[in-house]
Amino acid sequence: MAATFPALIQPRLLAALQASSVADLLPDGFMPSVDPAQNPQFGDYQTNAAMVLAKQAKKNPRELAAEIVEKFESDNLTETPEIAGPGFINFRLKKEVLEQRTLDLLADSDRLGVDKVADPKKIVIDFSAPNVAKPMHVGHIRGTIIGDSLSRVADFLGHEIISDNHIGDWGTQFGMILYGWKNVLDEKALEADPVPELLRVYKAINQLCEDEPELRETCKAELVKLQSGDEENLKIWEKCVEVSKIGLQKIYDKLDITFDHWLGESFYNDKLQPLVDDLLERKIATESDGAVCIFFPDHKKLADQPPAIIQKGDGGFLYATTDLATIDYRIKEFGADTLWYVVGIPQQLHFDQLFEASRMIGNDVELQFIPFGSILGKDRKMFKTRDGDTVQLDDVLNESVARAYKIVDEKNPDFPEEEKQEIARTIGIGAVKYSELSQFRLTDYIFDWDNMLALKGNTAPYLLNAYVRTRAIFRKMGSDFEGTDVITLTEAAETTLALKLAQYAEIVPMILSDFRPNTLATYIYELATTYHKFWEACPVLKADGDVKATRLALCELTGRVLKHALSLLGIQTTEKM
């Protein structure tokens, strides 16, 4: 596929700069930025290079811009650049260039103009990571959905992706669960729906421990037996993990999310003591007040923070120990050169210490902490049920699908029942995902059912409806798109839509530069609104000849890009709404 338009404009702009009076100011490897124009009235793309360099050279930016424009050779790519405002240089593509790019995109049905990266990496991505014996709650929405989308984008761009669901399947909570399994378990409830029953057991024993503090020692004894390899407790633990995975998988199936591995904390048990011994021997870790710790005296950010404890005085291990063993395993066994962790902002210190400790050990892989904020209720507090309990993820998904069904049923009561349910599932699950992915991941956001499912605005239903419109034109015509070898852009709405479609190839690679799926969400919304304006301004079936062929091609290409872009967000499409 041909390079993106900014990539085609940049070398021409660089040549003009190198021939200008500021050539000596250009550093080695300099490439001027070229971005979509903020106001399409002035052009398709623009650069502020003249303003930046004029400040360094103490020149008038508009005069320097005029000098650059004079030396710019478009090679039939753009019209003569124009100067706007304090010194912006605007570029407008020649009509025939955009027409040819539209034809090229139609022919590139698999990639839609998006090139694979030149330097693919083997990336292990760690996301979701719920605890065994507890249902996933609303707090798991962000990490699960963001991680899945980043996996999809990275895979499409050509990276080798290994997804690992590092579940919490080992820890102090199992003492209570083991005791509860033996004393208060309802086996029929466990068989019917295991995770809620295990949660009930845990809560019941936790409450008993509040009422009878001496029971905590009994639960701790059950945990010690498990950790010592007691056969009965190991069998119970294995059953807990097994049924929990089944319950978790049901939710992942609803979300259309899969993992290559489910290597939980327990997988690394036999690797922890050797790791601690090695770090002590290499003097990376030291004993302090009976515990084994890693200090960071030479690290500006961590020097004044408490150390990372990797073994408690009683011999127990902590998250830092397991996570260091996990990094080692992912490097040696998976051959990863990059590790991504999609985890909430409160874990920042943990990962700062973990990554620094990994570097001290000698690992040279790329380590990325990809944090996210919280989901709030309308009261701007943590999203809870009316009773104050944590909202369960499965309940959120079911509620969203139920609300979507009500809308579908009201608007299309004559649709077959099975079709209404399938459309509701697509809209409901898509609404939850898009509500998350359209947000900047580092900010908190308010969970609002009405906004999520609105048919207008930046929502999944609005985008899905745009896709449905692209398909409806062909249903009305009675045939699928048959292709064309001519694109003739005659109206401004056609040109604007064609340009927006061409920009898909610019947007997708940007997502991973700062791990922001909302960049893609913004593009999809802009594409949908651009298409709706085209739909209103340019009759399709009433047109004739090349104009009709062009408009049908734009409908087809919009549908392809919308469907593909939504798929990178993990959102399925529907042909009807």
Protein backbone atom coordinates (compact mmCIF):
# COMPACT_ATOMS: atom_id res chain seq x y z
CA MET A 1 0.00 0.00 0.00
CA ALA A 2 1.22 3.54 -0.69
CA ALA A 3 2.48 5.66 2.19
CA THR A 4 0.03 7.82 4.12
CA PHE A 5 -0.45 11.37 2.91
CA PRO A 6 1.57 12.91 5.79
CA ALA A 7 4.40 10.49 4.97
CA LEU A 8 4.27 11.65 1.33
CA ILE A 9 4.18 15.35 2.21
CA GLN A 10 6.95 15.23 4.84
CA PRO A 11 9.97 14.52 2.56
CA ARG A 12 8.83 17.25 0.16
CA LEU A 13 8.48 19.66 3.05
CA LEU A 14 11.89 18.63 4.41
CA ALA A 15 13.49 19.29 1.02
CA ALA A 16 11.98 22.78 1.02
CA LEU A 17 13.29 23.43 4.53
CA GLN A 18 16.75 22.21 3.57
CA ALA A 19 16.74 24.67 0.68
CA SER A 20 15.58 27.56 2.89
CA SER A 21 17.40 30.09 5.06
CA VAL A 22 16.86 27.94 8.19
CA ALA A 23 18.54 24.84 6.80
CA ASP A 24 21.37 25.13 9.33
CA LEU A 25 18.88 24.86 12.20
CA LEU A 26 17.65 21.41 11.18
CA PRO A 27 19.05 18.71 13.49
CA ASP A 28 20.18 15.33 12.16
CA GLY A 29 17.23 13.08 11.49
CA PHE A 30 14.76 15.96 11.63
CA MET A 31 11.39 15.35 10.02
CA PRO A 32 8.76 18.11 10.13
CA SER A 33 5.34 17.24 11.53
CA VAL A 34 2.37 17.15 9.17
CA ASP A 35 -1.06 16.79 10.73
CA PRO A 36 -4.67 16.84 9.54
CA ALA A 37 -5.85 20.43 9.19
CA GLN A 38 -7.85 21.65 12.16
CA ASN A 39 -10.15 23.54 9.82
CA PRO A 40 -10.90 21.70 6.55
CA GLN A 41 -11.83 25.05 5.01
CA PHE A 42 -8.14 25.85 4.70
CA GLY A 43 -6.83 22.49 3.53
CA ASP A 44 -6.42 18.79 4.21
CA TYR A 45 -3.12 18.84 6.12
CA GLN A 46 -0.99 21.47 7.79
CA THR A 47 2.41 22.03 9.42
CA ASN A 48 3.64 24.49 12.01
CA ALA A 49 7.30 23.96 11.00
CA ALA A 50 7.71 27.58 9.87
CA MET A 51 6.48 28.91 13.21
CA VAL A 52 8.77 26.62 15.22
CA LEU A 53 11.87 27.33 13.15
CA ALA A 54 11.17 31.05 12.80
CA LYS A 55 11.21 31.37 16.57
CA GLN A 56 14.63 29.73 16.71
CA ALA A 57 15.94 31.87 13.84
CA LYS A 58 14.25 35.03 15.18
CA LYS A 59 12.49 35.49 11.85
CA ASN A 60 8.97 36.51 10.90
CA PRO A 61 7.09 33.17 10.71
CA ARG A 62 4.86 34.19 7.81
CA GLU A 63 7.86 35.35 5.82
CA LEU A 64 9.64 32.06 6.47
CA ALA A 65 6.44 30.19 5.56
CA ALA A 66 6.35 32.06 2.24
CA GLU A 67 9.96 31.07 1.58
CA ILE A 68 9.18 27.41 2.31
CA VAL A 69 6.09 27.45 0.08
CA GLU A 70 8.13 28.92 -2.76
CA LYS A 71 10.61 26.05 -2.56
CA PHE A 72 8.01 23.30 -2.00
CA GLU A 73 7.67 20.89 -4.92
CA SER A 74 4.42 18.99 -4.72
CA ASP A 75 5.14 16.55 -7.58
CA ASN A 76 1.42 16.47 -8.44
CA LEU A 77 0.55 15.48 -4.86
CA THR A 78 -0.96 18.74 -3.62
CA GLU A 79 -2.07 22.09 -4.86
CA THR A 80 0.24 25.01 -4.12
CA PRO A 81 0.45 25.24 -0.30
CA GLU A 82 -1.24 28.20 1.37
CA ILE A 83 -0.25 30.22 4.43
CA ALA A 84 -2.76 30.84 7.21
CA GLY A 85 -2.79 32.60 10.56
CA PRO A 86 0.56 33.26 12.24
CA GLY A 87 2.44 30.97 9.86
CA PHE A 88 0.68 27.64 9.36
CA ILE A 89 1.31 26.06 5.97
CA ASN A 90 -1.76 24.25 4.62
CA PHE A 91 -1.75 21.51 2.01
CA ARG A 92 -4.70 20.47 -0.12
CA LEU A 93 -4.47 17.17 -1.98
CA LYS A 94 -5.15 17.16 -5.67
CA LYS A 95 -8.52 15.64 -6.47
CA GLU A 96 -7.09 12.90 -8.69
CA VAL A 97 -4.70 11.84 -5.90
CA LEU A 98 -7.57 11.33 -3.47
CA GLU A 99 -9.61 9.53 -6.12
CA GLN A 100 -6.75 7.11 -6.78
CA ARG A 101 -6.25 6.51 -3.05
CA THR A 102 -9.93 5.63 -2.73
CA LEU A 103 -9.55 3.04 -5.48
CA ASP A 104 -6.43 1.69 -3.76
CA LEU A 105 -8.29 1.33 -0.47
CA LEU A 106 -11.14 -0.53 -2.15
CA ALA A 107 -8.62 -3.01 -3.51
CA ASP A 108 -6.91 -3.38 -0.12
CA SER A 109 -9.81 -5.05 1.67
CA ASP A 110 -7.70 -6.85 4.30
CA ARG A 111 -5.61 -3.94 5.56
CA LEU A 112 -7.48 -0.82 4.36
CA GLY A 113 -4.23 1.04 3.82
CA VAL A 114 -2.67 0.18 7.20
CA ASP A 115 0.90 -1.11 6.85
CA LYS A 116 2.47 -3.57 9.27
CA VAL A 117 5.24 -2.28 11.52
CA ALA A 118 8.78 -2.54 10.21
CA ASP A 119 10.15 -3.89 13.50
CA PRO A 120 7.62 -6.37 14.96
CA LYS A 121 8.08 -7.40 18.58
CA LYS A 122 7.12 -10.43 20.63
CA ILE A 123 4.85 -8.90 23.26
CA VAL A 124 3.40 -10.59 26.33
CA ILE A 125 0.38 -8.62 27.49
CA ASP A 126 -0.93 -9.11 31.02
CA PHE A 127 -4.50 -7.91 31.56
CA SER A 128 -7.78 -8.69 33.31
CA ALA A 129 -6.21 -10.94 36.03
CA PRO A 130 -9.24 -11.56 38.29
CA ASN A 131 -9.05 -13.49 41.55
CA VAL A 132 -10.17 -17.09 41.70
CA ALA A 133 -13.29 -17.82 43.78
CA LYS A 134 -14.53 -14.25 43.30
CA PRO A 135 -16.66 -12.91 40.45
CA MET A 136 -15.24 -10.22 38.22
CA HIS A 137 -16.57 -6.82 39.27
CA VAL A 138 -16.91 -3.45 37.60
CA GLY A 139 -13.28 -2.68 38.44
CA HIS A 140 -12.24 -5.36 35.95
CA ILE A 141 -14.03 -3.63 33.05
CA ARG A 142 -11.25 -1.23 32.20
CA GLY A 143 -8.24 -3.54 32.32
CA THR A 144 -10.05 -6.36 30.54
CA ILE A 145 -11.46 -4.28 27.69
CA ILE A 146 -8.43 -2.00 27.22
CA GLY A 147 -6.05 -4.96 27.26
CA ASP A 148 -8.08 -6.86 24.69
CA SER A 149 -8.24 -3.87 22.35
CA LEU A 150 -4.49 -3.22 22.60
CA SER A 151 -3.90 -6.90 21.84
CA ARG A 152 -6.06 -6.70 18.74
CA VAL A 153 -4.38 -3.54 17.46
CA ALA A 154 -0.86 -4.83 18.10
CA ASP A 155 -1.65 -8.12 16.39
CA PHE A 156 -3.08 -6.32 13.34
CA LEU A 157 0.03 -4.17 13.11
CA GLY A 158 2.16 -7.30 12.89
CA HIS A 159 3.48 -7.83 16.40
CA GLU A 160 3.51 -11.34 17.86
CA ILE A 161 1.11 -11.19 20.80
CA ILE A 162 0.98 -13.59 23.74
CA SER A 163 -1.88 -12.83 26.13
CA ASP A 164 -1.53 -14.12 29.68
CA ASN A 165 -4.34 -13.95 32.23
CA HIS A 166 -2.31 -13.86 35.46
CA ILE A 167 -5.17 -14.90 37.73
CA GLY A 168 -4.97 -14.63 41.51
CA ASP A 169 -5.25 -18.32 42.35
CA TRP A 170 -3.05 -18.44 45.45
CA GLY A 171 -3.20 -16.37 48.60
CA THR A 172 -4.50 -15.83 52.09
CA GLN A 173 -8.16 -15.83 51.02
CA PHE A 174 -7.92 -19.56 50.41
CA GLY A 175 -7.68 -20.26 54.12
CA MET A 176 -11.24 -18.98 54.54
CA ILE A 177 -12.44 -20.65 51.36
CA LEU A 178 -11.01 -24.03 52.40
CA TYR A 179 -12.67 -23.81 55.81
CA GLY A 180 -15.91 -22.65 54.22
CA TRP A 181 -15.82 -25.42 51.61
CA LYS A 182 -15.68 -27.99 54.41
CA ASN A 183 -18.34 -26.37 56.59
CA VAL A 184 -20.87 -24.15 54.76
CA LEU A 185 -20.66 -25.06 51.03
CA ASP A 186 -23.93 -25.62 49.14
CA GLU A 187 -22.89 -28.21 46.56
CA LYS A 188 -26.03 -27.74 44.42
CA ALA A 189 -25.44 -24.00 44.27
CA LEU A 190 -21.79 -24.65 43.41
CA GLU A 191 -22.78 -26.86 40.52
CA ALA A 192 -25.40 -24.40 39.23
CA ASP A 193 -23.26 -21.25 39.37
CA PRO A 194 -19.88 -21.79 41.03
CA VAL A 195 -18.39 -18.31 41.38
CA PRO A 196 -21.32 -16.68 43.27
CA GLU A 197 -21.41 -19.67 45.61
CA LEU A 198 -17.68 -19.43 46.33
CA LEU A 199 -18.12 -15.71 46.98
CA ARG A 200 -20.98 -16.46 49.37
CA VAL A 201 -18.78 -18.98 51.19
CA TYR A 202 -15.94 -16.48 51.47
CA LYS A 203 -18.22 -13.72 52.76
CA ALA A 204 -19.88 -16.07 55.27
CA ILE A 205 -16.56 -17.19 56.76
CA ASN A 206 -15.19 -13.67 56.72
CA GLN A 207 -18.20 -12.57 58.78
CA LEU A 208 -17.73 -15.53 61.15
CA CYS A 209 -14.14 -14.45 61.65
CA GLU A 210 -15.37 -10.99 62.56
CA ASP A 211 -17.72 -12.51 65.14
CA GLU A 212 -15.28 -15.18 66.33
CA PRO A 213 -11.70 -13.88 65.90
CA GLU A 214 -10.24 -17.19 67.06
CA LEU A 215 -11.57 -18.75 63.84
CA ARG A 216 -8.91 -16.86 61.88
CA GLU A 217 -6.26 -19.17 63.29
CA THR A 218 -8.25 -22.18 62.10
CA CYS A 219 -8.48 -20.69 58.60
CA LYS A 220 -4.77 -19.88 58.66
CA ALA A 221 -4.05 -23.50 59.58
CA GLU A 222 -6.04 -24.62 56.52
CA LEU A 223 -3.91 -22.31 54.36
CA VAL A 224 -0.69 -23.65 55.83
CA LYS A 225 -1.85 -27.20 55.10
CA LEU A 226 -2.51 -26.17 51.49
CA GLN A 227 0.89 -24.56 51.15
CA SER A 228 2.49 -27.65 52.66
CA GLY A 229 0.90 -29.89 50.03
CA ASP A 230 -1.95 -31.43 52.04
CA GLU A 231 -3.74 -33.76 49.62
CA GLU A 232 -7.31 -32.93 50.70
CA ASN A 233 -6.80 -29.18 50.61
CA LEU A 234 -4.96 -29.35 47.30
CA LYS A 235 -7.92 -31.19 45.75
CA ILE A 236 -10.34 -28.57 47.09
CA TRP A 237 -8.10 -25.77 45.82
CA GLU A 238 -7.84 -27.39 42.38
CA LYS A 239 -11.64 -27.68 42.24
CA CYS A 240 -12.00 -24.01 43.24
CA VAL A 241 -9.67 -22.97 40.44
CA GLU A 242 -11.39 -25.24 37.93
CA VAL A 243 -14.95 -24.04 38.61
CA SER A 244 -13.80 -20.43 38.86
CA LYS A 245 -12.21 -20.63 35.43
CA ILE A 246 -15.46 -22.01 34.03
CA GLY A 247 -17.37 -19.07 35.51
CA LEU A 248 -14.82 -16.55 34.29
CA GLN A 249 -14.79 -18.06 30.82
CA LYS A 250 -18.54 -17.47 30.50
CA ILE A 251 -17.93 -13.76 30.92
CA TYR A 252 -14.98 -13.75 28.53
CA ASP A 253 -17.18 -15.55 25.99
CA LYS A 254 -19.76 -12.76 26.26
CA LEU A 255 -16.98 -10.23 25.71
CA ASP A 256 -15.43 -12.24 22.84
CA ILE A 257 -12.08 -12.25 24.66
CA THR A 258 -9.59 -15.10 24.63
CA PHE A 259 -6.21 -15.69 26.27
CA ASP A 260 -3.25 -17.74 25.14
CA HIS A 261 -2.38 -18.62 28.73
CA TRP A 262 -3.89 -18.59 32.22
CA LEU A 263 -0.67 -18.81 34.25
CA GLY A 264 -1.80 -17.73 37.69
CA GLU A 265 0.21 -16.98 40.81
CA SER A 266 0.32 -20.65 41.82
CA PHE A 267 2.23 -21.54 38.64
CA TYR A 268 5.30 -19.78 40.07
CA ASN A 269 5.29 -21.28 43.58
CA ASP A 270 8.33 -23.50 43.07
CA LYS A 271 10.27 -20.64 41.49
CA LEU A 272 10.01 -18.18 44.39
CA GLN A 273 12.52 -19.48 46.96
CA PRO A 274 15.25 -20.04 44.34
CA LEU A 275 14.63 -16.49 43.12
CA VAL A 276 14.99 -15.03 46.62
CA ASP A 277 18.14 -17.07 47.28
CA ASP A 278 19.66 -15.88 44.00
CA LEU A 279 18.90 -12.23 44.71
CA LEU A 280 20.42 -12.53 48.19
CA GLU A 281 23.54 -14.18 46.79
CA ARG A 282 23.92 -11.44 44.18
CA LYS A 283 23.33 -8.78 46.87
CA ILE A 284 20.43 -7.33 44.91
CA ALA A 285 18.25 -8.18 47.92
CA THR A 286 19.17 -7.83 51.59
CA GLU A 287 17.69 -8.90 54.92
CA SER A 288 16.03 -6.13 56.88
CA ASP A 289 14.08 -6.59 60.14
CA GLY A 290 13.72 -10.28 59.38
CA ALA A 291 12.34 -9.73 55.86
CA VAL A 292 14.12 -9.93 52.52
CA CYS A 293 13.92 -6.61 50.69
CA ILE A 294 15.12 -4.83 47.59
CA PHE A 295 16.16 -1.22 48.19
CA PHE A 296 16.58 1.39 45.48
CA PRO A 297 19.03 3.96 46.91
CA ASP A 298 20.26 5.07 43.50
CA HIS A 299 16.84 5.54 41.96
CA LYS A 300 15.68 9.16 42.12
CA LYS A 301 11.97 8.30 42.31
CA LEU A 302 12.18 5.23 44.56
CA ALA A 303 15.03 6.10 46.94
CA ASP A 304 12.69 7.63 49.53
CA GLN A 305 9.98 4.97 49.17
CA PRO A 306 9.70 1.82 51.31
CA PRO A 307 11.61 -1.13 49.83
CA ALA A 308 10.06 -3.92 47.81
CA ILE A 309 9.59 -6.88 50.16
CA ILE A 310 10.08 -10.23 48.45
CA GLN A 311 9.93 -12.51 51.51
CA LYS A 312 8.28 -11.89 54.86
CA GLY A 313 9.83 -12.78 58.18
CA ASP A 314 7.62 -15.89 58.40
CA GLY A 315 8.93 -17.11 55.04
CA GLY A 316 5.91 -16.06 53.01
CA PHE A 317 6.23 -14.48 49.59
CA LEU A 318 4.54 -11.39 48.18
CA TYR A 319 3.26 -10.05 44.87
CA ALA A 320 6.67 -8.59 44.05
CA THR A 321 8.27 -12.05 44.32
CA THR A 322 5.72 -13.68 42.05
CA ASP A 323 5.86 -10.82 39.56
CA LEU A 324 9.66 -10.98 39.33
CA ALA A 325 9.44 -14.74 38.71
CA THR A 326 6.79 -14.05 36.10
CA ILE A 327 9.02 -11.61 34.22
CA ASP A 328 11.84 -14.17 34.26
CA TYR A 329 9.53 -16.89 32.92
CA ARG A 330 8.07 -14.72 30.16
CA ILE A 331 11.53 -13.79 28.95
CA LYS A 332 13.04 -17.28 29.08
CA GLU A 333 10.08 -19.45 28.11
CA PHE A 334 8.06 -17.16 25.83
CA GLY A 335 11.08 -15.36 24.36
CA ALA A 336 9.37 -12.01 24.92
CA ASP A 337 11.23 -8.80 24.21
CA THR A 338 8.37 -6.59 25.46
CA LEU A 339 6.01 -6.96 28.44
CA TRP A 340 2.83 -4.90 28.81
CA TYR A 341 0.89 -4.68 32.08
CA VAL A 342 -2.60 -3.20 31.87
CA VAL A 343 -3.33 -2.45 35.52
CA GLY A 344 -5.01 0.29 37.58
CA ILE A 345 -3.22 3.52 38.51
CA PRO A 346 -2.95 2.61 42.25
CA GLN A 347 -0.37 -0.03 41.33
CA GLN A 348 2.09 2.57 39.99
CA LEU A 349 4.61 2.22 42.85
CA HIS A 350 4.52 -1.57 42.68
CA PHE A 351 5.37 -1.57 38.99
CA ASP A 352 8.00 1.17 39.35
CA GLN A 353 9.76 -1.05 41.88
CA LEU A 354 9.16 -4.22 39.89
CA PHE A 355 10.61 -2.78 36.69
CA GLU A 356 13.63 -1.29 38.47
CA ALA A 357 14.29 -4.58 40.26
CA SER A 358 14.07 -6.39 36.92
CA ARG A 359 16.67 -4.04 35.46
CA MET A 360 18.92 -4.58 38.50
CA ILE A 361 18.67 -8.32 37.88
CA GLY A 362 19.89 -7.72 34.33
CA ASN A 363 16.76 -8.04 32.20
CA ASP A 364 16.85 -5.75 29.18
CA VAL A 365 13.32 -6.28 27.85
CA GLU A 366 10.98 -3.36 27.31
CA LEU A 367 8.60 -3.07 30.27
CA GLN A 368 5.40 -1.02 29.96
CA PHE A 369 2.99 -0.20 32.76
CA ILE A 370 -0.29 0.82 31.11
CA PRO A 371 -2.42 2.27 33.92
CA PHE A 372 -6.06 3.28 33.91
CA GLY A 373 -8.40 5.27 36.13
CA SER A 374 -11.63 4.34 37.89
CA ILE A 375 -15.27 4.01 36.92
CA LEU A 376 -17.54 6.30 38.94
CA GLY A 377 -21.25 6.47 39.58
CA LYS A 378 -23.28 9.59 38.87
CA ASP A 379 -22.40 10.78 42.39
CA ARG A 380 -18.75 10.78 41.25
CA LYS A 381 -17.93 8.11 43.81
CA MET A 382 -16.84 4.54 43.09
CA PHE A 383 -19.58 2.79 41.12
CA LYS A 384 -21.61 0.67 43.57
CA THR A 385 -25.00 -1.00 43.78
CA ARG A 386 -27.79 0.68 45.73
CA ASP A 387 -26.91 -1.58 48.64
CA GLY A 388 -23.31 -0.40 48.54
CA ASP A 389 -21.93 -3.64 47.13
CA THR A 390 -19.41 -3.80 44.32
CA VAL A 391 -21.16 -4.02 40.94
CA GLN A 392 -20.48 -7.36 39.25
CA LEU A 393 -19.25 -7.28 35.66
CA ASP A 394 -21.67 -9.98 34.55
CA ASP A 395 -24.56 -7.96 35.96
CA VAL A 396 -23.39 -4.90 33.99
CA LEU A 397 -23.27 -6.90 30.75
CA ASN A 398 -26.67 -8.51 31.33
CA GLU A 399 -28.26 -5.18 32.22
CA SER A 400 -26.82 -3.51 29.13
CA VAL A 401 -28.12 -6.26 26.86
CA ALA A 402 -31.56 -6.12 28.54
CA ARG A 403 -31.77 -2.35 28.05
CA ALA A 404 -30.65 -2.68 24.45
CA TYR A 405 -33.30 -5.36 23.86
CA LYS A 406 -36.00 -3.01 25.10
CA ILE A 407 -34.90 -0.36 22.58
CA VAL A 408 -34.69 -2.86 19.72
CA ASP A 409 -38.09 -4.33 20.56
CA GLU A 410 -39.72 -0.88 20.64
CA LYS A 411 -38.25 0.18 17.31
CA ASN A 412 -38.55 -3.16 15.48
CA PRO A 413 -41.34 -5.22 17.10
CA ASP A 414 -41.76 -7.27 13.91
CA PHE A 415 -38.20 -8.61 13.89
CA PRO A 416 -37.96 -12.34 14.68
CA GLU A 417 -37.28 -12.90 18.39
CA GLU A 418 -33.91 -14.57 17.81
CA GLU A 419 -32.80 -11.65 15.64
CA LYS A 420 -33.87 -9.09 18.24
CA GLN A 421 -31.90 -10.91 20.91
CA GLU A 422 -28.78 -11.09 18.74
CA ILE A 423 -28.99 -7.39 17.84
CA ALA A 424 -29.51 -6.53 21.53
CA ARG A 425 -26.48 -8.61 22.49
CA THR A 426 -24.31 -6.85 19.90
CA ILE A 427 -25.49 -3.39 20.93
CA GLY A 428 -25.44 -4.07 24.68
CA ILE A 429 -21.94 -5.57 24.84
CA GLY A 430 -20.67 -3.02 22.30
CA ALA A 431 -22.08 -0.17 24.39
CA VAL A 432 -20.18 -1.27 27.51
CA LYS A 433 -16.95 -1.66 25.55
CA TYR A 434 -17.24 1.60 23.66
CA SER A 435 -18.20 3.55 26.77
CA GLU A 436 -14.86 2.42 28.19
CA LEU A 437 -12.67 2.69 25.11
CA SER A 438 -13.88 6.14 24.09
CA GLN A 439 -12.44 7.52 27.35
CA PHE A 440 -8.83 8.56 27.90
CA ARG A 441 -7.66 5.62 29.97
CA LEU A 442 -5.94 7.65 32.70
CA THR A 443 -9.00 9.66 33.68
CA ASP A 444 -11.92 8.53 35.82
CA TYR A 445 -15.28 8.47 34.04
CA ILE A 446 -18.93 8.32 35.03
CA PHE A 447 -20.87 5.18 34.16
CA ASP A 448 -24.18 6.32 32.67
CA TRP A 449 -26.66 3.85 31.11
CA ASP A 450 -28.59 6.53 29.22
CA ASN A 451 -25.49 7.97 27.56
CA MET A 452 -24.07 4.53 26.77
CA LEU A 453 -27.13 3.40 24.85
CA ALA A 454 -28.12 6.69 23.22
CA LEU A 455 -28.65 6.56 19.45
CA LYS A 456 -27.11 10.02 19.07
CA GLY A 457 -23.68 11.21 20.12
CA ASN A 458 -20.40 9.42 20.60
CA THR A 459 -21.86 6.01 21.48
CA ALA A 460 -21.74 2.46 20.19
CA PRO A 461 -25.40 2.52 19.00
CA TYR A 462 -24.69 5.64 16.92
CA LEU A 463 -21.65 4.01 15.30
CA LEU A 464 -23.43 0.71 14.73
CA ASN A 465 -26.30 2.61 13.14
CA ALA A 466 -23.82 4.29 10.77
CA TYR A 467 -22.56 0.85 9.75
CA VAL A 468 -26.14 -0.40 9.28
CA ARG A 469 -26.79 2.54 6.95
CA THR A 470 -23.82 1.57 4.79
CA ARG A 471 -25.33 -1.90 4.39
CA ALA A 472 -28.93 -0.74 3.99
CA ILE A 473 -28.13 0.97 0.69
CA PHE A 474 -27.10 -2.36 -0.84
CA ARG A 475 -30.11 -4.21 0.59
CA LYS A 476 -32.32 -1.55 -0.97
CA MET A 477 -30.46 -1.92 -4.25
CA GLY A 478 -30.84 -5.70 -4.08
CA SER A 479 -27.18 -6.59 -4.59
CA ASP A 480 -23.76 -6.33 -2.97
CA PHE A 481 -21.11 -3.86 -4.05
CA GLU A 482 -19.81 -4.97 -7.43
CA GLY A 483 -16.68 -2.83 -7.57
CA THR A 484 -15.65 0.06 -9.77
CA ASP A 485 -12.56 1.15 -11.66
CA VAL A 486 -13.53 4.84 -11.60
CA ILE A 487 -13.85 7.25 -8.68
CA THR A 488 -15.11 10.74 -9.50
CA LEU A 489 -15.38 13.11 -6.55
CA THR A 490 -17.83 15.84 -7.55
CA GLU A 491 -19.20 17.10 -4.21
CA ALA A 492 -17.48 18.47 -1.12
CA ALA A 493 -19.16 15.83 1.09
CA GLU A 494 -17.69 13.06 -1.09
CA THR A 495 -14.19 14.54 -0.90
CA THR A 496 -14.40 15.00 2.86
CA LEU A 497 -15.51 11.39 3.33
CA ALA A 498 -12.81 10.03 1.01
CA LEU A 499 -10.14 11.93 2.94
CA LYS A 500 -11.45 10.69 6.28
CA LEU A 501 -11.35 7.09 5.00
CA ALA A 502 -7.76 7.54 3.84
CA GLN A 503 -6.79 8.73 7.33
CA TYR A 504 -7.55 5.32 8.87
CA ALA A 505 -4.01 4.26 7.95
CA GLU A 506 -2.66 7.23 9.91
CA ILE A 507 -4.72 6.60 13.02
CA VAL A 508 -4.21 2.89 13.74
CA PRO A 509 -0.42 3.02 14.29
CA MET A 510 -0.88 6.01 16.61
CA ILE A 511 -2.89 3.94 19.10
CA LEU A 512 0.14 2.08 20.41
CA SER A 513 2.38 5.15 20.62
CA ASP A 514 0.70 6.03 23.92
CA PHE A 515 -1.67 3.06 24.39
CA ARG A 516 -4.82 5.07 23.74
CA PRO A 517 -7.69 3.19 22.12
CA ASN A 518 -9.74 6.37 22.51
CA THR A 519 -7.71 7.75 19.59
CA LEU A 520 -9.38 5.13 17.40
CA ALA A 521 -12.77 5.70 19.02
CA THR A 522 -12.56 9.41 18.19
CA TYR A 523 -11.70 8.58 14.58
CA ILE A 524 -14.63 6.15 14.25
CA TYR A 525 -17.02 8.78 15.61
CA GLU A 526 -15.68 11.39 13.18
CA LEU A 527 -16.00 8.92 10.32
CA ALA A 528 -19.60 8.12 11.27
CA THR A 529 -20.58 11.80 11.46
CA THR A 530 -18.81 12.47 8.15
CA TYR A 531 -20.69 9.60 6.55
CA HIS A 532 -24.04 10.83 7.86
CA LYS A 533 -23.37 14.26 6.32
CA PHE A 534 -22.46 12.58 3.03
CA TRP A 535 -25.64 10.47 3.27
CA GLU A 536 -27.76 13.58 3.61
CA ALA A 537 -25.97 15.63 0.95
CA CYS A 538 -25.36 13.04 -1.76
CA PRO A 539 -28.24 10.84 -3.00
CA VAL A 540 -26.81 7.47 -3.97
CA LEU A 541 -29.41 5.39 -5.78
CA LYS A 542 -30.82 8.39 -7.63
CA ALA A 543 -27.42 9.24 -9.11
CA ASP A 544 -26.18 7.93 -12.46
CA GLY A 545 -23.00 6.68 -14.07
CA ASP A 546 -19.64 7.38 -12.43
CA VAL A 547 -21.26 9.54 -9.75
CA LYS A 548 -23.44 6.63 -8.59
CA ALA A 549 -20.52 4.20 -8.78
CA THR A 550 -18.41 6.59 -6.69
CA ARG A 551 -21.07 7.03 -4.04
CA LEU A 552 -21.68 3.29 -3.81
CA ALA A 553 -17.92 2.81 -3.43
CA LEU A 554 -17.80 5.36 -0.62
CA CYS A 555 -20.68 3.58 1.15
CA GLU A 556 -18.94 0.23 0.78
CA LEU A 557 -15.57 1.53 1.94
CA THR A 558 -17.10 3.34 4.92
CA GLY A 559 -18.79 0.11 5.97
CA ARG A 560 -15.53 -1.82 5.69
CA VAL A 561 -13.57 0.73 7.72
CA LEU A 562 -16.27 1.06 10.39
CA LYS A 563 -16.51 -2.71 10.79
CA HIS A 564 -12.76 -3.18 10.92
CA ALA A 565 -12.13 -0.27 13.29
CA LEU A 566 -14.86 -1.47 15.65
CA SER A 567 -13.37 -4.97 15.55
CA LEU A 568 -10.05 -3.53 16.79
CA LEU A 569 -12.03 -2.25 19.79
CA GLY A 570 -13.49 -5.74 20.21
CA ILE A 571 -16.96 -4.58 19.09
CA GLN A 572 -19.03 -6.68 16.70
CA THR A 573 -21.40 -5.19 14.13
CA THR A 574 -24.96 -5.95 13.13
CA GLU A 575 -26.57 -5.67 9.69
CA LYS A 576 -29.86 -4.36 11.08
CA MET A 577 -31.00 -2.19 13.98
